Amino acid sequence: MKKITLLCVGAFIGCAAVSMPAMADHDDHRDYYYGGHHGGKYKQEYWDGNCKVERKWKRNGDYKEERKCKAPRPVVYPAYPQPVYPQPGVVIQGTAVIR
């Protein structure tokens, strides 16, 4: 009986120790309600191809997005040199000469 009690207590302590990191996680999802800017002013800038995108949010919920696009850069592909095949050192012709 004493062994079973010790086994149960040990299993309980082991489960509690394993689950401690999961209990320490902050699961307050109210932070994500306002889309990452928490109801205040927020500005985001990033590049989308050749365009620079600026997004702005205001406290009253106004949203503004500006795109400033540049002309695409020309792509230059160099002309690769054509292969030059030298004449072979040994020429084998289709005739066989037996002497």
PDB file of N, CA and C in Angstrom:
ATOM      1  N   MET A   1       0.821  -1.191   0.000  1.00  0.00           N
ATOM      2  CA  MET A   1       0.000   0.000   0.000  1.00  0.00           C
ATOM      3  C   MET A   1       0.865   1.254   0.000  1.00  0.00           C
ATOM      4  N   LYS A   2       1.977   1.177   0.726  1.00  0.00           N
ATOM      5  CA  LYS A   2       2.869   2.322   0.815  1.00  0.00           C
ATOM      6  C   LYS A   2       3.535   2.591  -0.534  1.00  0.00           C
ATOM      7  N   LYS A   3       3.848   1.536  -1.292  1.00  0.00           N
ATOM      8  CA  LYS A   3       4.477   1.698  -2.600  1.00  0.00           C
ATOM      9  C   LYS A   3       3.514   2.357  -3.590  1.00  0.00           C
ATOM     10  N   ILE A   4       2.255   1.973  -3.537  1.00  0.00           N
ATOM     11  CA  ILE A   4       1.267   2.553  -4.446  1.00  0.00           C
ATOM     12  C   ILE A   4       1.081   4.039  -4.150  1.00  0.00           C
ATOM     13  N   THR A   5       1.058   4.388  -2.866  1.00  0.00           N
ATOM     14  CA  THR A   5       0.909   5.791  -2.485  1.00  0.00           C
ATOM     15  C   THR A   5       2.107   6.601  -2.964  1.00  0.00           C
ATOM     16  N   LEU A   6       3.312   6.056  -2.784  1.00  0.00           N
ATOM     17  CA  LEU A   6       4.512   6.751  -3.248  1.00  0.00           C
ATOM     18  C   LEU A   6       4.515   6.882  -4.771  1.00  0.00           C
ATOM     19  N   LEU A   7       4.046   5.861  -5.457  1.00  0.00           N
ATOM     20  CA  LEU A   7       3.978   5.904  -6.914  1.00  0.00           C
ATOM     21  C   LEU A   7       2.988   6.976  -7.386  1.00  0.00           C
ATOM     22  N   CYS A   8       1.828   7.050  -6.745  1.00  0.00           N
ATOM     23  CA  CYS A   8       0.830   8.067  -7.112  1.00  0.00           C
ATOM     24  C   CYS A   8       1.337   9.474  -6.823  1.00  0.00           C
ATOM     25  N   VAL A   9       1.987   9.670  -5.680  1.00  0.00           N
ATOM     26  CA  VAL A   9       2.523  10.987  -5.332  1.00  0.00           C
ATOM     27  C   VAL A   9       3.627  11.372  -6.313  1.00  0.00           C
ATOM     28  N   GLY A  10       4.480  10.428  -6.667  1.00  0.00           N
ATOM     29  CA  GLY A  10       5.551  10.700  -7.632  1.00  0.00           C
ATOM     30  C   GLY A  10       4.999  11.050  -9.005  1.00  0.00           C
ATOM     31  N   ALA A  11       3.949  10.339  -9.438  1.00  0.00           N
ATOM     32  CA  ALA A  11       3.332  10.633 -10.732  1.00  0.00           C
ATOM     33  C   ALA A  11       2.684  12.015 -10.720  1.00  0.00           C
ATOM     34  N   PHE A  12       2.045  12.371  -9.602  1.00  0.00           N
ATOM     35  CA  PHE A  12       1.424  13.696  -9.496  1.00  0.00           C
ATOM     36  C   PHE A  12       2.468  14.804  -9.552  1.00  0.00           C
ATOM     37  N   ILE A  13       3.560  14.634  -8.845  1.00  0.00           N
ATOM     38  CA  ILE A  13       4.629  15.638  -8.849  1.00  0.00           C
ATOM     39  C   ILE A  13       5.257  15.728 -10.240  1.00  0.00           C
ATOM     40  N   GLY A  14       5.442  14.602 -10.904  1.00  0.00           N
ATOM     41  CA  GLY A  14       6.002  14.605 -12.259  1.00  0.00           C
ATOM     42  C   GLY A  14       5.096  15.324 -13.250  1.00  0.00           C
ATOM     43  N   CYS A  15       3.791  15.055 -13.181  1.00  0.00           N
ATOM     44  CA  CYS A  15       2.845  15.738 -14.077  1.00  0.00           C
ATOM     45  C   CYS A  15       2.800  17.234 -13.795  1.00  0.00           C
ATOM     46  N   ALA A  16       2.867  17.601 -12.533  1.00  0.00           N
ATOM     47  CA  ALA A  16       2.845  19.022 -12.182  1.00  0.00           C
ATOM     48  C   ALA A  16       4.104  19.719 -12.685  1.00  0.00           C
ATOM     49  N   ALA A  17       5.247  19.046 -12.600  1.00  0.00           N
ATOM     50  CA  ALA A  17       6.504  19.651 -13.052  1.00  0.00           C
ATOM     51  C   ALA A  17       6.523  19.804 -14.570  1.00  0.00           C
ATOM     52  N   VAL A  18       5.943  18.854 -15.280  1.00  0.00           N
ATOM     53  CA  VAL A  18       5.921  18.926 -16.740  1.00  0.00           C
ATOM     54  C   VAL A  18       4.957  20.015 -17.217  1.00  0.00           C
ATOM     55  N   SER A  19       3.853  20.211 -16.498  1.00  0.00           N
ATOM     56  CA  SER A  19       2.852  21.180 -16.946  1.00  0.00           C
ATOM     57  C   SER A  19       3.125  22.605 -16.471  1.00  0.00           C
ATOM     58  N   MET A  20       4.152  22.843 -15.683  1.00  0.00           N
ATOM     59  CA  MET A  20       4.451  24.194 -15.192  1.00  0.00           C
ATOM     60  C   MET A  20       4.717  25.188 -16.323  1.00  0.00           C
ATOM     61  N   PRO A  21       5.522  24.868 -17.353  1.00  0.00           N
ATOM     62  CA  PRO A  21       5.740  25.852 -18.420  1.00  0.00           C
ATOM     63  C   PRO A  21       4.452  26.213 -19.166  1.00  0.00           C
ATOM     64  N   ALA A  22       3.527  25.284 -19.288  1.00  0.00           N
ATOM     65  CA  ALA A  22       2.271  25.579 -19.971  1.00  0.00           C
ATOM     66  C   ALA A  22       1.411  26.535 -19.153  1.00  0.00           C
ATOM     67  N   MET A  23       1.474  26.439 -17.842  1.00  0.00           N
ATOM     68  CA  MET A  23       0.702  27.343 -16.996  1.00  0.00           C
ATOM     69  C   MET A  23       1.314  28.738 -16.950  1.00  0.00           C
ATOM     70  N   ALA A  24       2.584  28.864 -17.243  1.00  0.00           N
ATOM     71  CA  ALA A  24       3.252  30.160 -17.199  1.00  0.00           C
ATOM     72  C   ALA A  24       2.977  30.989 -18.446  1.00  0.00           C
ATOM     73  N   ASP A  25       2.376  30.404 -19.486  1.00  0.00           N
ATOM     74  CA  ASP A  25       2.090  31.117 -20.729  1.00  0.00           C
ATOM     75  C   ASP A  25       0.999  32.156 -20.501  1.00  0.00           C
ATOM     76  N   HIS A  26       1.190  33.349 -21.059  1.00  0.00           N
ATOM     77  CA  HIS A  26       0.220  34.434 -20.930  1.00  0.00           C
ATOM     78  C   HIS A  26      -0.784  34.312 -22.071  1.00  0.00           C
ATOM     79  N   ASP A  27      -1.979  33.872 -21.784  1.00  0.00           N
ATOM     80  CA  ASP A  27      -2.996  33.632 -22.810  1.00  0.00           C
ATOM     81  C   ASP A  27      -4.037  34.740 -22.857  1.00  0.00           C
ATOM     82  N   ASP A  28      -3.632  35.973 -22.704  1.00  0.00           N
ATOM     83  CA  ASP A  28      -4.577  37.073 -22.752  1.00  0.00           C
ATOM     84  C   ASP A  28      -4.710  37.523 -24.199  1.00  0.00           C
ATOM     85  N   HIS A  29      -5.787  37.124 -24.861  1.00  0.00           N
ATOM     86  CA  HIS A  29      -5.962  37.410 -26.284  1.00  0.00           C
ATOM     87  C   HIS A  29      -6.574  38.781 -26.537  1.00  0.00           C
ATOM     88  N   ARG A  30      -6.814  39.549 -25.504  1.00  0.00           N
ATOM     89  CA  ARG A  30      -7.367  40.884 -25.703  1.00  0.00           C
ATOM     90  C   ARG A  30      -6.365  41.798 -26.402  1.00  0.00           C
ATOM     91  N   ASP A  31      -5.084  41.489 -26.323  1.00  0.00           N
ATOM     92  CA  ASP A  31      -4.064  42.310 -26.970  1.00  0.00           C
ATOM     93  C   ASP A  31      -4.187  42.276 -28.487  1.00  0.00           C
ATOM     94  N   TYR A  32      -4.736  41.218 -29.043  1.00  0.00           N
ATOM     95  CA  TYR A  32      -4.799  41.054 -30.485  1.00  0.00           C
ATOM     96  C   TYR A  32      -6.096  41.621 -31.070  1.00  0.00           C
ATOM     97  N   TYR A  33      -6.955  42.167 -30.247  1.00  0.00           N
ATOM     98  CA  TYR A  33      -8.255  42.641 -30.716  1.00  0.00           C
ATOM     99  C   TYR A  33      -8.129  43.827 -31.659  1.00  0.00           C
ATOM    100  N   TYR A  34      -7.185  44.708 -31.425  1.00  0.00           N
ATOM    101  CA  TYR A  34      -7.060  45.918 -32.216  1.00  0.00           C
ATOM    102  C   TYR A  34      -6.120  45.771 -33.397  1.00  0.00           C
ATOM    103  N   GLY A  35      -5.758  44.593 -33.782  1.00  0.00           N
ATOM    104  CA  GLY A  35      -4.950  44.385 -34.976  1.00  0.00           C
ATOM    105  C   GLY A  35      -3.487  44.733 -34.804  1.00  0.00           C
ATOM    106  N   GLY A  36      -2.977  44.698 -33.609  1.00  0.00           N
ATOM    107  CA  GLY A  36      -1.552  44.903 -33.383  1.00  0.00           C
ATOM    108  C   GLY A  36      -1.161  46.314 -33.034  1.00  0.00           C
ATOM    109  N   HIS A  37      -2.051  47.301 -33.224  1.00  0.00           N
ATOM    110  CA  HIS A  37      -1.656  48.664 -32.891  1.00  0.00           C
ATOM    111  C   HIS A  37      -2.367  49.168 -31.643  1.00  0.00           C
ATOM    112  N   HIS A  38      -3.105  48.340 -30.965  1.00  0.00           N
ATOM    113  CA  HIS A  38      -3.680  48.589 -29.643  1.00  0.00           C
ATOM    114  C   HIS A  38      -4.516  49.860 -29.579  1.00  0.00           C
ATOM    115  N   GLY A  39      -5.181  50.217 -30.638  1.00  0.00           N
ATOM    116  CA  GLY A  39      -6.098  51.337 -30.617  1.00  0.00           C
ATOM    117  C   GLY A  39      -5.449  52.700 -30.717  1.00  0.00           C
ATOM    118  N   GLY A  40      -4.141  52.780 -30.844  1.00  0.00           N
ATOM    119  CA  GLY A  40      -3.458  54.059 -30.949  1.00  0.00           C
ATOM    120  C   GLY A  40      -2.966  54.298 -32.360  1.00  0.00           C
ATOM    121  N   LYS A  41      -2.129  55.306 -32.509  1.00  0.00           N
ATOM    122  CA  LYS A  41      -1.546  55.581 -33.820  1.00  0.00           C
ATOM    123  C   LYS A  41      -0.539  54.490 -34.146  1.00  0.00           C
ATOM    124  N   TYR A  42      -0.516  54.114 -35.402  1.00  0.00           N
ATOM    125  CA  TYR A  42       0.395  53.059 -35.823  1.00  0.00           C
ATOM    126  C   TYR A  42       0.784  53.316 -37.266  1.00  0.00           C
ATOM    127  N   LYS A  43       2.038  53.082 -37.589  1.00  0.00           N
ATOM    128  CA  LYS A  43       2.540  53.296 -38.945  1.00  0.00           C
ATOM    129  C   LYS A  43       3.365  52.079 -39.345  1.00  0.00           C
ATOM    130  N   GLN A  44       3.156  51.612 -40.568  1.00  0.00           N
ATOM    131  CA  GLN A  44       3.863  50.440 -41.068  1.00  0.00           C
ATOM    132  C   GLN A  44       4.389  50.762 -42.457  1.00  0.00           C
ATOM    133  N   GLU A  45       5.665  50.442 -42.706  1.00  0.00           N
ATOM    134  CA  GLU A  45       6.280  50.655 -44.015  1.00  0.00           C
ATOM    135  C   GLU A  45       6.939  49.357 -44.461  1.00  0.00           C
ATOM    136  N   TYR A  46       6.743  49.012 -45.736  1.00  0.00           N
ATOM    137  CA  TYR A  46       7.409  47.839 -46.299  1.00  0.00           C
ATOM    138  C   TYR A  46       7.442  47.976 -47.814  1.00  0.00           C
ATOM    139  N   TRP A  47       8.241  47.141 -48.457  1.00  0.00           N
ATOM    140  CA  TRP A  47       8.377  47.139 -49.915  1.00  0.00           C
ATOM    141  C   TRP A  47       7.599  45.969 -50.477  1.00  0.00           C
ATOM    142  N   ASP A  48       6.827  46.233 -51.534  1.00  0.00           N
ATOM    143  CA  ASP A  48       6.093  45.205 -52.257  1.00  0.00           C
ATOM    144  C   ASP A  48       6.535  45.275 -53.713  1.00  0.00           C
ATOM    145  N   GLY A  49       7.576  44.536 -54.050  1.00  0.00           N
ATOM    146  CA  GLY A  49       8.146  44.613 -55.397  1.00  0.00           C
ATOM    147  C   GLY A  49       8.866  45.936 -55.569  1.00  0.00           C
ATOM    148  N   ASN A  50       8.466  46.731 -56.570  1.00  0.00           N
ATOM    149  CA  ASN A  50       9.062  48.047 -56.799  1.00  0.00           C
ATOM    150  C   ASN A  50       8.309  49.154 -56.071  1.00  0.00           C
ATOM    151  N   CYS A  51       7.319  48.821 -55.279  1.00  0.00           N
ATOM    152  CA  CYS A  51       6.485  49.828 -54.621  1.00  0.00           C
ATOM    153  C   CYS A  51       6.763  49.863 -53.118  1.00  0.00           C
ATOM    154  N   LYS A  52       6.850  51.071 -52.589  1.00  0.00           N
ATOM    155  CA  LYS A  52       6.968  51.259 -51.148  1.00  0.00           C
ATOM    156  C   LYS A  52       5.564  51.516 -50.614  1.00  0.00           C
ATOM    157  N   VAL A  53       5.152  50.721 -49.640  1.00  0.00           N
ATOM    158  CA  VAL A  53       3.800  50.810 -49.100  1.00  0.00           C
ATOM    159  C   VAL A  53       3.888  51.394 -47.698  1.00  0.00           C
ATOM    160  N   GLU A  54       3.084  52.423 -47.441  1.00  0.00           N
ATOM    161  CA  GLU A  54       2.985  53.024 -46.112  1.00  0.00           C
ATOM    162  C   GLU A  54       1.545  52.896 -45.645  1.00  0.00           C
ATOM    163  N   ARG A  55       1.356  52.268 -44.494  1.00  0.00           N
ATOM    164  CA  ARG A  55       0.025  52.126 -43.909  1.00  0.00           C
ATOM    165  C   ARG A  55      -0.011  52.934 -42.620  1.00  0.00           C
ATOM    166  N   LYS A  56      -1.102  53.638 -42.414  1.00  0.00           N
ATOM    167  CA  LYS A  56      -1.241  54.457 -41.212  1.00  0.00           C
ATOM    168  C   LYS A  56      -2.625  54.236 -40.613  1.00  0.00           C
ATOM    169  N   TRP A  57      -2.663  54.025 -39.304  1.00  0.00           N
ATOM    170  CA  TRP A  57      -3.909  53.919 -38.570  1.00  0.00           C
ATOM    171  C   TRP A  57      -3.959  55.067 -37.566  1.00  0.00           C
ATOM    172  N   LYS A  58      -5.141  55.592 -37.336  1.00  0.00           N
ATOM    173  CA  LYS A  58      -5.315  56.638 -36.335  1.00  0.00           C
ATOM    174  C   LYS A  58      -6.161  56.098 -35.191  1.00  0.00           C
ATOM    175  N   ARG A  59      -6.210  56.855 -34.110  1.00  0.00           N
ATOM    176  CA  ARG A  59      -6.949  56.422 -32.925  1.00  0.00           C
ATOM    177  C   ARG A  59      -8.446  56.274 -33.195  1.00  0.00           C
ATOM    178  N   ASN A  60      -8.982  57.094 -34.090  1.00  0.00           N
ATOM    179  CA  ASN A  60     -10.424  57.042 -34.336  1.00  0.00           C
ATOM    180  C   ASN A  60     -10.817  55.947 -35.325  1.00  0.00           C
ATOM    181  N   GLY A  61      -9.859  55.159 -35.803  1.00  0.00           N
ATOM    182  CA  GLY A  61     -10.154  54.046 -36.697  1.00  0.00           C
ATOM    183  C   GLY A  61      -9.895  54.332 -38.157  1.00  0.00           C
ATOM    184  N   ASP A  62      -9.466  55.557 -38.496  1.00  0.00           N
ATOM    185  CA  ASP A  62      -9.152  55.863 -39.889  1.00  0.00           C
ATOM    186  C   ASP A  62      -7.937  55.063 -40.339  1.00  0.00           C
ATOM    187  N   TYR A  63      -7.989  54.639 -41.588  1.00  0.00           N
ATOM    188  CA  TYR A  63      -6.917  53.826 -42.168  1.00  0.00           C
ATOM    189  C   TYR A  63      -6.525  54.451 -43.494  1.00  0.00           C
ATOM    190  N   LYS A  64      -5.236  54.560 -43.736  1.00  0.00           N
ATOM    191  CA  LYS A  64      -4.755  55.151 -44.979  1.00  0.00           C
ATOM    192  C   LYS A  64      -3.582  54.321 -45.483  1.00  0.00           C
ATOM    193  N   GLU A  65      -3.590  54.047 -46.798  1.00  0.00           N
ATOM    194  CA  GLU A  65      -2.495  53.290 -47.396  1.00  0.00           C
ATOM    195  C   GLU A  65      -1.995  54.050 -48.615  1.00  0.00           C
ATOM    196  N   GLU A  66      -0.693  54.288 -48.669  1.00  0.00           N
ATOM    197  CA  GLU A  66      -0.079  54.981 -49.796  1.00  0.00           C
ATOM    198  C   GLU A  66       0.931  54.055 -50.455  1.00  0.00           C
ATOM    199  N   ARG A  67       0.939  54.079 -51.794  1.00  0.00           N
ATOM    200  CA  ARG A  67       1.912  53.290 -52.553  1.00  0.00           C
ATOM    201  C   ARG A  67       2.699  54.232 -53.439  1.00  0.00           C
ATOM    202  N   LYS A  68       4.006  54.163 -53.318  1.00  0.00           N
ATOM    203  CA  LYS A  68       4.896  54.955 -54.163  1.00  0.00           C
ATOM    204  C   LYS A  68       5.723  53.969 -54.973  1.00  0.00           C
ATOM    205  N   CYS A  69       5.439  53.906 -56.272  1.00  0.00           N
ATOM    206  CA  CYS A  69       6.088  52.913 -57.128  1.00  0.00           C
ATOM    207  C   CYS A  69       7.185  53.560 -57.965  1.00  0.00           C
ATOM    208  N   LYS A  70       8.276  52.850 -58.108  1.00  0.00           N
ATOM    209  CA  LYS A  70       9.377  53.272 -58.967  1.00  0.00           C
ATOM    210  C   LYS A  70       9.324  52.453 -60.254  1.00  0.00           C
ATOM    211  N   ALA A  71       9.926  53.004 -61.307  1.00  0.00           N
ATOM    212  CA  ALA A  71       9.995  52.273 -62.572  1.00  0.00           C
ATOM    213  C   ALA A  71      10.870  51.037 -62.376  1.00  0.00           C
ATOM    214  N   PRO A  72      10.507  49.934 -62.996  1.00  0.00           N
ATOM    215  CA  PRO A  72      11.323  48.734 -62.830  1.00  0.00           C
ATOM    216  C   PRO A  72      12.699  48.920 -63.452  1.00  0.00           C
ATOM    217  N   ARG A  73      13.681  48.375 -62.810  1.00  0.00           N
ATOM    218  CA  ARG A  73      15.045  48.462 -63.322  1.00  0.00           C
ATOM    219  C   ARG A  73      15.195  47.577 -64.556  1.00  0.00           C
ATOM    220  N   PRO A  74      15.929  48.064 -65.557  1.00  0.00           N
ATOM    221  CA  PRO A  74      16.143  47.212 -66.734  1.00  0.00           C
ATOM    222  C   PRO A  74      17.074  46.050 -66.380  1.00  0.00           C
ATOM    223  N   VAL A  75      16.756  44.922 -66.921  1.00  0.00           N
ATOM    224  CA  VAL A  75      17.566  43.732 -66.680  1.00  0.00           C
ATOM    225  C   VAL A  75      18.415  43.488 -67.915  1.00  0.00           C
ATOM    226  N   VAL A  76      19.718  43.423 -67.726  1.00  0.00           N
ATOM    227  CA  VAL A  76      20.644  43.232 -68.843  1.00  0.00           C
ATOM    228  C   VAL A  76      21.176  41.805 -68.771  1.00  0.00           C
ATOM    229  N   TYR A  77      20.959  41.078 -69.846  1.00  0.00           N
ATOM    230  CA  TYR A  77      21.491  39.731 -69.941  1.00  0.00           C
ATOM    231  C   TYR A  77      22.692  39.777 -70.881  1.00  0.00           C
ATOM    232  N   PRO A  78      23.880  39.437 -70.413  1.00  0.00           N
ATOM    233  CA  PRO A  78      25.053  39.509 -71.289  1.00  0.00           C
ATOM    234  C   PRO A  78      24.994  38.422 -72.363  1.00  0.00           C
ATOM    235  N   ALA A  79      25.586  38.729 -73.517  1.00  0.00           N
ATOM    236  CA  ALA A  79      25.665  37.742 -74.594  1.00  0.00           C
ATOM    237  C   ALA A  79      26.812  36.790 -74.269  1.00  0.00           C
ATOM    238  N   TYR A  80      26.483  35.558 -74.088  1.00  0.00           N
ATOM    239  CA  TYR A  80      27.501  34.581 -73.744  1.00  0.00           C
ATOM    240  C   TYR A  80      28.308  34.225 -74.987  1.00  0.00           C
ATOM    241  N   PRO A  81      29.613  33.985 -74.850  1.00  0.00           N
ATOM    242  CA  PRO A  81      30.430  33.640 -76.016  1.00  0.00           C
ATOM    243  C   PRO A  81      30.011  32.284 -76.589  1.00  0.00           C
ATOM    244  N   GLN A  82      30.034  32.210 -77.909  1.00  0.00           N
ATOM    245  CA  GLN A  82      29.664  30.967 -78.572  1.00  0.00           C
ATOM    246  C   GLN A  82      30.820  29.976 -78.453  1.00  0.00           C
ATOM    247  N   PRO A  83      30.509  28.708 -78.271  1.00  0.00           N
ATOM    248  CA  PRO A  83      31.586  27.725 -78.144  1.00  0.00           C
ATOM    249  C   PRO A  83      32.337  27.549 -79.469  1.00  0.00           C
ATOM    250  N   VAL A  84      33.638  27.415 -79.371  1.00  0.00           N
ATOM    251  CA  VAL A  84      34.486  27.195 -80.545  1.00  0.00           C
ATOM    252  C   VAL A  84      35.081  25.801 -80.395  1.00  0.00           C
ATOM    253  N   TYR A  85      34.777  24.948 -81.356  1.00  0.00           N
ATOM    254  CA  TYR A  85      35.280  23.588 -81.312  1.00  0.00           C
ATOM    255  C   TYR A  85      36.523  23.499 -82.192  1.00  0.00           C
ATOM    256  N   PRO A  86      37.679  23.180 -81.621  1.00  0.00           N
ATOM    257  CA  PRO A  86      38.894  23.079 -82.451  1.00  0.00           C
ATOM    258  C   PRO A  86      38.859  21.807 -83.301  1.00  0.00           C
ATOM    259  N   GLN A  87      39.674  21.828 -84.339  1.00  0.00           N
ATOM    260  CA  GLN A  87      39.756  20.664 -85.207  1.00  0.00           C
ATOM    261  C   GLN A  87      40.445  19.548 -84.425  1.00  0.00           C
ATOM    262  N   PRO A  88      39.938  18.314 -84.508  1.00  0.00           N
ATOM    263  CA  PRO A  88      40.536  17.226 -83.728  1.00  0.00           C
ATOM    264  C   PRO A  88      41.956  16.913 -84.195  1.00  0.00           C
ATOM    265  N   GLY A  89      42.779  16.438 -83.270  1.00  0.00           N
ATOM    266  CA  GLY A  89      44.168  16.119 -83.584  1.00  0.00           C
ATOM    267  C   GLY A  89      44.303  14.873 -84.435  1.00  0.00           C
ATOM    268  N   VAL A  90      43.421  13.895 -84.273  1.00  0.00           N
ATOM    269  CA  VAL A  90      43.470  12.652 -85.038  1.00  0.00           C
ATOM    270  C   VAL A  90      42.193  12.577 -85.865  1.00  0.00           C
ATOM    271  N   VAL A  91      42.383  12.402 -87.194  1.00  0.00           N
ATOM    272  CA  VAL A  91      41.232  12.297 -88.078  1.00  0.00           C
ATOM    273  C   VAL A  91      41.121  10.847 -88.518  1.00  0.00           C
ATOM    274  N   ILE A  92      39.997  10.228 -88.254  1.00  0.00           N
ATOM    275  CA  ILE A  92      39.764   8.844 -88.663  1.00  0.00           C
ATOM    276  C   ILE A  92      38.797   8.884 -89.832  1.00  0.00           C
ATOM    277  N   GLN A  93      39.276   8.370 -90.980  1.00  0.00           N
ATOM    278  CA  GLN A  93      38.417   8.349 -92.158  1.00  0.00           C
ATOM    279  C   GLN A  93      37.782   6.976 -92.287  1.00  0.00           C
ATOM    280  N   GLY A  94      36.795   6.878 -93.096  1.00  0.00           N
ATOM    281  CA  GLY A  94      36.048   5.643 -93.233  1.00  0.00           C
ATOM    282  C   GLY A  94      36.741   4.568 -94.057  1.00  0.00           C
ATOM    283  N   THR A  95      37.951   4.794 -94.569  1.00  0.00           N
ATOM    284  CA  THR A  95      38.631   3.775 -95.375  1.00  0.00           C
ATOM    285  C   THR A  95      39.701   3.106 -94.535  1.00  0.00           C
ATOM    286  N   ALA A  96      39.817   1.818 -94.705  1.00  0.00           N
ATOM    287  CA  ALA A  96      40.843   1.061 -93.997  1.00  0.00           C
ATOM    288  C   ALA A  96      41.875   0.595 -95.011  1.00  0.00           C
ATOM    289  N   VAL A  97      43.136   0.825 -94.729  1.00  0.00           N
ATOM    290  CA  VAL A  97      44.221   0.424 -95.622  1.00  0.00           C
ATOM    291  C   VAL A  97      45.002  -0.675 -94.908  1.00  0.00           C
ATOM    292  N   ILE A  98      45.066  -1.858 -95.548  1.00  0.00           N
ATOM    293  CA  ILE A  98      45.810  -2.974 -94.983  1.00  0.00           C
ATOM    294  C   ILE A  98      47.005  -3.212 -95.887  1.00  0.00           C
ATOM    295  N   ARG A  99      48.230  -3.230 -95.407  1.00  0.00           N
ATOM    296  CA  ARG A  99      49.426  -3.438 -96.216  1.00  0.00           C
ATOM    297  C   ARG A  99      50.169  -4.640 -95.760  1.00  0.00           C
TER     298      ARG A  99
END
